[in-house]
Protein backbone atom coordinates (compact mmCIF):
# COMPACT_ATOMS: atom_id res chain seq x y z
CA MET A 1 1.41 16.91 7.78
CA GLN A 2 4.67 15.13 8.84
CA LEU A 3 5.84 12.95 6.01
CA GLN A 4 8.40 10.65 7.70
CA TYR A 5 8.24 8.69 10.99
CA THR A 6 10.58 6.12 12.58
CA LYS A 7 9.59 3.78 15.28
CA THR A 8 11.97 1.41 17.10
CA LEU A 9 10.38 -1.81 18.43
CA THR A 10 11.45 -5.36 19.25
CA SER A 11 10.36 -8.64 17.73
CA ASN A 12 11.23 -11.86 19.46
CA GLY A 13 13.29 -9.77 21.75
CA LYS A 14 15.40 -8.31 18.85
CA PRO A 15 15.46 -4.63 17.78
CA ILE A 16 13.56 -3.75 14.70
CA LYS A 17 12.94 -0.35 13.04
CA VAL A 18 9.82 0.64 11.07
CA HIS A 19 9.86 3.77 8.90
CA ALA A 20 6.72 5.44 7.47
CA ILE A 21 7.81 7.41 4.46
CA SER A 22 5.42 9.49 2.34
CA THR A 23 6.60 9.69 -1.24
CA GLY A 24 4.54 12.78 -1.94
CA LEU A 25 0.81 13.54 -1.70
CA VAL A 26 -2.35 12.64 -3.74
CA LYS A 27 -5.93 13.99 -3.93
CA VAL A 28 -8.76 11.84 -5.32
CA LYS A 29 -12.37 12.69 -6.08
CA GLU A 30 -14.44 12.75 -2.87
CA LYS A 31 -16.89 10.29 -4.39
CA TYR A 32 -13.98 8.05 -5.42
CA LEU A 33 -12.81 7.92 -1.88
CA ASN A 34 -16.28 7.47 -0.27
CA ALA A 35 -18.32 5.66 -2.99
CA ARG A 36 -22.14 5.79 -2.82
CA PHE A 37 -22.55 2.94 -5.51
CA THR A 38 -20.55 0.07 -6.89
CA GLY A 39 -19.42 -0.83 -10.39
CA LEU A 40 -20.12 1.52 -13.31
CA LEU A 41 -22.51 3.57 -11.26
CA ALA A 42 -19.73 4.37 -8.79
CA ALA A 43 -17.41 5.27 -11.66
CA PHE A 44 -19.86 7.56 -13.25
CA ASP A 45 -20.68 9.17 -9.90
CA PHE A 46 -17.10 10.13 -9.09
CA MET A 47 -16.10 11.04 -12.72
CA LEU A 48 -18.95 13.49 -13.00
CA SER A 49 -18.15 15.20 -9.64
CA LYS A 50 -15.66 17.98 -9.21
CA LYS A 51 -14.91 17.92 -5.48
CA PHE A 52 -11.56 16.53 -4.45
CA THR A 53 -10.41 15.31 -1.02
CA GLU A 54 -7.72 16.96 1.00
CA TRP A 55 -4.16 15.95 0.28
CA MET A 56 -3.35 12.41 1.46
CA PRO A 57 0.09 10.77 1.96
CA ILE A 58 1.51 8.08 -0.33
CA TRP A 59 3.11 5.81 2.29
CA VAL A 60 5.97 3.44 1.76
CA TRP A 61 6.84 1.32 4.72
CA VAL A 62 10.45 0.36 5.42
CA ILE A 63 11.32 -2.35 7.93
CA GLU A 64 14.95 -2.74 9.18
CA HIS A 65 14.83 -6.44 10.15
CA GLU A 66 17.59 -8.71 11.38
CA GLU A 67 17.23 -10.55 8.07
CA GLY A 68 17.54 -7.49 5.93
CA VAL A 69 15.60 -4.41 4.84
CA PHE A 70 12.13 -4.96 3.57
CA VAL A 71 10.24 -2.23 1.57
CA ILE A 72 6.47 -2.31 1.35
CA ASP A 73 5.41 -0.58 -1.94
CA THR A 74 7.56 1.85 -3.75
CA GLY A 75 5.45 5.05 -3.91
CA GLU A 76 5.21 7.78 -6.46
CA ASN A 77 7.82 9.64 -8.46
CA ALA A 78 8.20 13.25 -9.51
CA GLN A 79 7.50 12.50 -13.22
CA ILE A 80 3.82 11.92 -12.48
CA ASN A 81 2.86 15.43 -13.45
CA GLN A 82 4.74 15.53 -16.76
CA LYS A 83 2.37 16.22 -19.72
CA ASN A 84 2.65 12.86 -21.53
CA TYR A 85 3.21 10.63 -18.65
CA PHE A 86 0.12 8.58 -19.22
CA LYS A 87 -0.13 9.03 -22.92
CA PRO A 88 1.35 5.72 -24.00
CA ALA A 89 -1.55 4.03 -22.04
CA GLY A 90 -4.17 5.40 -24.42
CA TRP A 91 -6.52 8.35 -24.50
CA PHE A 92 -8.88 7.11 -21.71
CA ALA A 93 -6.17 6.21 -19.27
CA ASN A 94 -4.48 9.44 -19.92
CA TRP A 95 -7.72 11.37 -19.39
CA PHE A 96 -8.65 9.39 -16.30
CA ASN A 97 -5.36 9.65 -14.51
CA THR A 98 -4.90 13.37 -15.27
CA THR A 99 -8.44 14.44 -14.30
CA GLN A 100 -9.50 12.11 -11.41
CA PHE A 101 -6.40 12.42 -9.28
CA LYS A 102 -3.97 15.24 -8.29
CA PHE A 103 -0.38 14.50 -7.30
CA GLU A 104 2.27 16.60 -5.55
CA VAL A 105 5.63 14.87 -5.59
CA SER A 106 9.19 16.30 -5.49
CA ARG A 107 12.37 14.48 -6.49
CA GLU A 108 13.51 14.65 -2.90
CA GLN A 109 10.44 12.72 -1.83
CA GLU A 110 11.08 9.69 -4.08
CA ILE A 111 11.86 6.51 -2.32
CA ASP A 112 15.51 6.26 -3.42
CA GLN A 113 16.39 9.62 -1.92
CA GLN A 114 14.50 8.97 1.30
CA LEU A 115 16.15 5.55 1.74
CA ARG A 116 19.60 7.18 1.36
CA ASN A 117 18.67 9.75 3.94
CA LEU A 118 18.22 6.76 6.29
CA GLY A 119 21.58 5.34 5.25
CA ILE A 120 20.03 2.62 3.09
CA GLU A 121 21.05 2.08 -0.53
CA PRO A 122 18.14 0.95 -2.67
CA GLN A 123 20.13 -2.02 -4.05
CA SER A 124 20.91 -3.22 -0.61
CA VAL A 125 17.19 -3.77 0.17
CA HIS A 126 16.51 -7.54 0.75
CA GLN A 127 13.03 -7.55 -0.75
CA VAL A 128 10.35 -5.15 -2.13
CA ILE A 129 6.76 -6.37 -1.41
CA LEU A 130 3.96 -4.88 -3.55
CA THR A 131 0.46 -4.84 -2.03
CA HIS A 132 -0.96 -4.41 -5.52
CA ARG A 133 0.04 -2.93 -8.89
CA HIS A 134 -1.60 0.50 -8.94
CA LEU A 135 0.75 3.35 -10.02
CA ASP A 136 1.03 5.07 -6.71
CA HIS A 137 2.41 1.79 -5.23
CA VAL A 138 4.77 0.80 -8.06
CA ASP A 139 6.09 4.08 -9.46
CA GLY A 140 9.36 3.83 -7.54
CA ILE A 141 10.18 0.38 -8.86
CA SER A 142 12.86 1.67 -11.25
CA TYR A 143 15.19 2.31 -8.23
CA PHE A 144 15.28 -1.42 -7.22
CA GLU A 145 16.83 -3.22 -10.19
CA GLY A 146 18.38 -6.40 -9.00
CA VAL A 147 16.21 -6.63 -5.85
CA ASP A 148 13.63 -9.33 -5.51
CA ILE A 149 10.16 -7.69 -5.99
CA LEU A 150 7.46 -9.86 -4.64
CA VAL A 151 3.91 -9.92 -6.02
CA HIS A 152 1.01 -12.17 -5.25
CA ARG A 153 0.45 -14.50 -8.12
CA ILE A 154 -3.23 -13.68 -8.32
CA GLU A 155 -2.45 -9.97 -8.43
CA ASN A 156 -0.11 -10.59 -11.31
CA GLU A 157 -2.54 -12.70 -13.24
CA HIS A 158 -5.56 -10.42 -12.66
CA PRO A 159 -4.22 -6.81 -12.47
CA HIS A 160 -6.94 -4.17 -12.05
CA GLY A 161 -6.16 -0.69 -13.39
CA ASP A 162 -2.49 -1.11 -13.66
CA LEU A 163 -0.37 0.63 -16.32
CA PRO A 164 2.24 -1.68 -17.70
CA HIS A 165 4.00 1.01 -19.73
CA LEU A 166 5.19 2.59 -16.39
CA TYR A 167 7.25 -0.57 -15.48
CA PRO A 168 10.97 -0.64 -16.31
CA ASN A 169 11.91 -3.11 -19.04
CA TRP A 170 13.68 -5.31 -16.50
CA PHE A 171 10.75 -5.71 -14.24
CA GLU A 172 9.92 -9.33 -13.65
CA PRO A 173 8.37 -9.89 -10.21
CA VAL A 174 8.89 -12.87 -7.99
CA LEU A 175 5.34 -14.40 -7.87
CA ILE A 176 4.22 -15.60 -4.50
CA ASP A 177 1.68 -18.36 -3.81
CA LEU A 178 -0.14 -18.05 -0.49
CA ASP A 179 -0.95 -21.41 1.13
CA GLU A 180 -0.49 -20.85 4.92
CA PRO A 181 -3.43 -19.99 7.23
CA PHE A 182 -3.01 -17.15 9.75
CA HIS A 183 -5.81 -16.69 12.22
CA ASN A 184 -8.99 -16.28 10.13
CA PHE A 185 -7.02 -15.48 6.89
CA LYS A 186 -6.58 -18.65 4.75
CA LYS A 187 -4.18 -17.39 2.15
CA THR A 188 -0.91 -16.04 3.68
CA LYS A 189 2.88 -16.73 3.61
CA THR A 190 5.67 -16.05 6.01
CA LEU A 191 8.54 -14.00 4.43
CA THR A 192 11.20 -14.36 7.17
CA LYS A 193 12.90 -17.28 8.93
CA ALA A 194 11.86 -15.65 12.15
CA GLY A 195 8.18 -16.04 11.10
CA ASN A 196 7.32 -12.55 12.07
CA LEU A 197 6.72 -10.98 8.61
CA ARG A 198 3.87 -12.16 6.55
CA ILE A 199 2.01 -11.44 3.24
CA ILE A 200 -1.76 -11.85 3.53
CA HIS A 201 -4.34 -12.00 0.74
CA THR A 202 -6.83 -9.13 1.44
CA PRO A 203 -8.92 -8.97 -1.77
CA GLY A 204 -11.44 -6.24 -2.65
CA HIS A 205 -9.49 -3.26 -3.88
CA THR A 206 -8.06 -5.63 -6.45
CA LYS A 207 -8.55 -9.41 -6.84
CA GLY A 208 -5.06 -10.21 -5.70
CA HIS A 209 -4.46 -7.34 -3.27
CA CYS A 210 -2.33 -8.24 -0.27
CA SER A 211 -1.42 -6.72 3.15
CA ILE A 212 1.69 -7.33 5.17
CA SER A 213 1.73 -8.09 8.93
CA LEU A 214 4.75 -7.65 11.24
CA GLU A 215 4.57 -9.25 14.62
CA THR A 216 6.37 -7.27 17.28
CA ASP A 217 6.53 -7.65 21.02
CA GLU A 218 4.49 -4.58 21.33
CA GLY A 219 1.76 -5.55 18.90
CA LEU A 220 0.90 -6.64 15.45
CA LEU A 221 1.53 -4.00 12.67
CA PHE A 222 -0.90 -4.48 9.77
CA PHE A 223 0.25 -2.66 6.70
CA GLY A 224 -3.03 -2.53 4.81
CA GLY A 225 -2.15 -1.09 1.40
CA ASP A 226 -5.57 -0.04 -0.05
CA VAL A 227 -7.79 -2.40 2.00
CA SER A 228 -9.28 0.93 2.89
CA TYR A 229 -7.95 4.45 2.46
CA THR A 230 -8.35 5.30 6.10
CA GLN A 231 -8.92 3.47 9.33
CA GLN A 232 -12.33 5.37 9.75
CA GLN A 233 -13.45 4.10 6.39
CA LEU A 234 -12.74 0.47 7.52
CA LEU A 235 -14.72 1.17 10.75
CA ASN A 236 -17.62 2.56 8.79
CA ASN A 237 -17.71 -0.31 6.20
CA GLY A 238 -17.23 2.28 3.46
CA HIS A 239 -15.52 1.57 0.22
CA SER A 240 -13.73 3.20 -2.66
CA GLY A 241 -15.24 3.72 -6.06
CA GLY A 242 -12.15 2.17 -7.49
CA ASP A 243 -12.50 -1.12 -5.67
CA ALA A 244 -12.67 -4.12 -8.12
CA GLU A 245 -14.70 -6.37 -5.74
CA PRO A 246 -16.61 -4.33 -3.11
CA LYS A 247 -18.18 -7.49 -1.66
CA LYS A 248 -14.72 -8.99 -1.14
CA SER A 249 -13.74 -5.70 0.53
CA ILE A 250 -16.42 -6.18 3.17
CA GLU A 251 -15.41 -9.80 3.74
CA THR A 252 -11.75 -8.53 4.26
CA TYR A 253 -13.02 -5.83 6.55
CA GLN A 254 -14.80 -8.46 8.71
CA LYS A 255 -11.65 -10.73 8.89
CA LEU A 256 -9.50 -7.82 9.82
CA LYS A 257 -11.78 -6.51 12.53
CA ALA A 258 -12.08 -10.06 13.95
CA LEU A 259 -8.25 -10.35 14.03
CA ALA A 260 -8.02 -6.96 15.77
CA LYS A 261 -10.33 -8.23 18.48
CA LYS A 262 -8.12 -11.19 19.05
CA THR A 263 -4.74 -9.47 19.18
CA PRO A 264 -3.54 -5.87 19.66
CA LEU A 265 -3.34 -4.55 16.07
CA ILE A 266 -2.15 -1.19 14.62
CA TYR A 267 -3.81 -0.59 11.27
CA LEU A 268 -1.51 1.21 8.72
CA PRO A 269 -3.13 1.74 5.26
CA SER A 270 -1.25 3.54 2.56
CA HIS A 271 -3.11 6.85 2.35
CA ASP A 272 -4.27 7.53 5.94
CA SER A 273 -2.84 10.91 7.14
CA GLU A 274 -3.03 9.61 10.76
CA ALA A 275 -1.16 6.36 10.07
CA GLY A 276 2.31 7.74 10.93
CA GLU A 277 1.18 9.12 14.22
CA ARG A 278 -0.66 5.91 14.92
CA LEU A 279 2.52 3.96 14.43
CA MET A 280 4.48 6.41 16.71
CA LYS A 281 1.89 6.18 19.50
CA MET A 282 1.12 2.53 18.92
CA GLU A 283 -2.58 3.14 18.85
CA PHE A 284 -4.44 -0.16 18.57
CA PHE A 285 -7.46 -0.58 16.43
CA PHE A 286 -10.08 -1.04 19.18
CA GLU A 287 -8.66 1.33 21.79
């Protein structure tokens, strides 16, 4: 599995680079990925099972934009497999995160090292945008001290399954209110003066979960976070056993599919092993 891709595009006629960077790999319980139930039944179902998925990437998306470098999520770090990494969160969180998931992350795969390989210093990043506050999306935050880290206000007020002890002491996100409509999504906000980068409320996985869209001259890139784990899961209307609001997930699926029928859209969730190739080939959702 190739773990880094770079695609050069244009937006409003100006060059823009998009990098797909995997900050290591993760396995989850098969019944966590593809839940048969919802709520506590789903949790018991996957916790009692033993079968894991294949390794999946932990994508971070980096956009080199005329207004600066934007980083979507911060990925995982190599400390994840240390014996006491989860212990401060309590016995259940420690047990859950060490038995229900498997991680494979090297120091070289962490986001700071990979940014430097691209010639980008972490402190020079214009903004970090978090889709949500789960550990595999925030565990690289420590490399961005002094950088604005954007979080949807609802995600901040209603975190689901986050582990605050993993945040650096200085972490104080910039809270974003979403009050602009975009197609059939009512809660969004543009992040650039050019109007081509947008944060979009896509609830389901968590109450305040967000996706990010980038309008390019070649098509709309939709960085879906954990809206679904794969594109196929979205097509099948499947859901994860870890989703906070499965009904909201289906509503988000419907809105996203409707958008993809209106405009050429490339769907790029955070753990889809085919997302990097899809970016490179510009494979649209309904092709």
